[in-house]
Structures are given as C-alpha cells and as structure tokens.
Amino acid sequence: MTPIESADFGLLAAIAAMAIATYAMRAAGFWMMQHIPPSGRMRKMLEALPGSVIVATVLPIVVRDGITAMLAIGVAVLVMLLVRRDILAVIAGMAVAASARAFGL
C-alpha cells in the first residue's frame, strides 16, 4: 500500500482546504490590487514586504541554531553585499555553518 492510499481522509481534506485557501488569498490579493490604486503609504508597505518575509524566515533559524546560524547568515549577507552573487553567498554561508559545526559551535 502506498503512502497516498494509506493516508487518512481528514489529512487529505485538510491539505486540500489549505491549498484552496492559499490560492484564494493570492487570487483575491491580485484582484484587489487591480481595482484599488495603491497610495504612497501602501506602496511603501509593499516595498518593505520582501525584507520582512526574509526576516520571518531567518529569525527562527537563528533562534534555534544560535551562534552558528548568526555567523553563517552574517557571512552570506557580507558576501552578497560585496559580490552580488546569490550562489556565492549561499556557498559561503554553508561553508561557515559546516566549519562552525565541525569545530563544535
């Protein structure tokens, strides 16, 4: 029996409901933005949104992993600021995290 066949109906219904709700929220947002002209305040909020999403994603990792995550993210940000290459920043951050863990941090 495959995992899909053995999955509980309630679990599949919850996943489907979350997918529908996610799509509905995104579609409603696009629809609203087509019909409502953004004010200066709303435009500033929308421009700041990507940064807040990154912080909301990274902060729990830093809290959980402590100094290792802080070092890795700091190096990744520094490399990104210096060379403006995503892949190099990711590689540098991963190298620092691996090195820090190897040395017991």
Protein backbone atom coordinates (compact mmCIF):
# COMPACT_ATOMS: atom_id res chain seq x y z
CA MET A 1 0.00 0.00 0.00
CA THR A 2 1.42 3.39 -0.99
CA PRO A 3 1.52 6.33 1.44
CA ILE A 4 -1.25 8.07 -0.53
CA GLU A 5 -3.51 5.02 -0.27
CA SER A 6 -2.97 4.75 3.46
CA ALA A 7 -3.44 8.47 4.15
CA ASP A 8 -6.35 9.45 6.33
CA PHE A 9 -9.21 11.24 4.53
CA GLY A 10 -9.14 14.04 7.12
CA LEU A 11 -5.47 14.67 6.40
CA LEU A 12 -6.07 14.88 2.66
CA ALA A 13 -9.10 17.14 3.21
CA ALA A 14 -7.03 19.47 5.43
CA ILE A 15 -4.27 19.68 2.81
CA ALA A 16 -6.83 20.39 0.08
CA ALA A 17 -8.53 23.05 2.22
CA MET A 18 -5.19 24.77 2.91
CA ALA A 19 -4.32 24.71 -0.79
CA ILE A 20 -7.69 26.23 -1.72
CA ALA A 21 -7.40 28.90 0.99
CA THR A 22 -3.86 29.78 -0.12
CA TYR A 23 -4.91 30.11 -3.74
CA ALA A 24 -8.00 32.16 -2.79
CA MET A 25 -5.90 34.60 -0.74
CA ARG A 26 -3.38 35.08 -3.55
CA ALA A 27 -6.08 35.47 -6.21
CA ALA A 28 -8.00 37.94 -4.05
CA GLY A 29 -4.83 39.96 -3.49
CA PHE A 30 -4.13 40.19 -7.21
CA TRP A 31 -7.77 41.09 -7.89
CA MET A 32 -7.77 43.78 -5.19
CA MET A 33 -4.55 45.36 -6.40
CA GLN A 34 -6.01 45.66 -9.91
CA HIS A 35 -9.05 47.55 -8.62
CA ILE A 36 -7.54 49.71 -5.86
CA PRO A 37 -4.88 52.27 -6.75
CA PRO A 38 -2.04 51.97 -4.20
CA SER A 39 -1.47 55.04 -2.05
CA GLY A 40 2.01 56.22 -1.15
CA ARG A 41 1.75 54.53 2.26
CA MET A 42 0.60 51.23 0.74
CA ARG A 43 3.38 51.37 -1.87
CA LYS A 44 6.00 51.77 0.89
CA MET A 45 4.49 48.83 2.79
CA LEU A 46 4.59 46.62 -0.30
CA GLU A 47 8.21 47.58 -0.98
CA ALA A 48 9.18 46.60 2.59
CA LEU A 49 7.34 43.27 2.46
CA PRO A 50 10.11 41.11 0.90
CA GLY A 51 12.51 42.08 3.68
CA SER A 52 10.00 41.21 6.37
CA VAL A 53 9.37 37.82 4.78
CA ILE A 54 13.10 37.09 4.81
CA VAL A 55 13.37 38.12 8.47
CA ALA A 56 10.36 35.97 9.37
CA THR A 57 12.03 33.01 7.66
CA VAL A 58 15.54 33.52 9.03
CA LEU A 59 14.80 34.57 12.62
CA PRO A 60 13.51 31.17 13.82
CA ILE A 61 16.63 29.52 12.36
CA VAL A 62 18.88 31.95 14.23
CA VAL A 63 16.97 31.40 17.47
CA ARG A 64 17.16 27.63 17.08
CA ASP A 65 20.79 27.32 15.92
CA GLY A 66 22.31 30.28 17.78
CA ILE A 67 25.84 31.46 17.05
CA THR A 68 26.37 29.03 14.17
CA ALA A 69 23.40 30.42 12.26
CA MET A 70 24.35 34.01 13.10
CA LEU A 71 27.85 33.50 11.71
CA ALA A 72 26.64 31.73 8.58
CA ILE A 73 23.95 34.30 7.81
CA GLY A 74 26.32 37.17 8.55
CA VAL A 75 28.92 35.81 6.15
CA ALA A 76 26.27 35.15 3.50
CA VAL A 77 24.98 38.73 3.80
CA LEU A 78 28.51 40.13 3.65
CA VAL A 79 29.38 38.09 0.54
CA MET A 80 26.12 39.15 -1.09
CA LEU A 81 26.85 42.81 -0.40
CA LEU A 82 30.40 42.52 -1.74
CA VAL A 83 29.98 40.39 -4.86
CA ARG A 84 26.21 40.46 -5.57
CA ARG A 85 26.10 36.75 -6.48
CA ASP A 86 23.44 34.64 -4.77
CA ILE A 87 25.17 31.33 -5.28
CA LEU A 88 28.46 32.56 -3.81
CA ALA A 89 26.64 33.92 -0.76
CA VAL A 90 24.87 30.59 -0.25
CA ILE A 91 28.10 28.62 -0.64
CA ALA A 92 29.94 30.91 1.78
CA GLY A 93 27.15 30.68 4.35
CA MET A 94 27.03 26.89 4.07
CA ALA A 95 30.82 26.65 4.39
CA VAL A 96 30.81 28.76 7.53
CA ALA A 97 27.95 26.75 9.05
CA ALA A 98 29.67 23.45 8.28
CA SER A 99 33.00 24.70 9.61
CA ALA A 100 31.42 26.07 12.79
CA ARG A 101 29.66 22.77 13.44
CA ALA A 102 32.84 20.83 12.71
CA PHE A 103 34.65 22.90 15.36
CA GLY A 104 31.86 22.36 17.87
CA LEU A 105 29.98 25.66 17.78
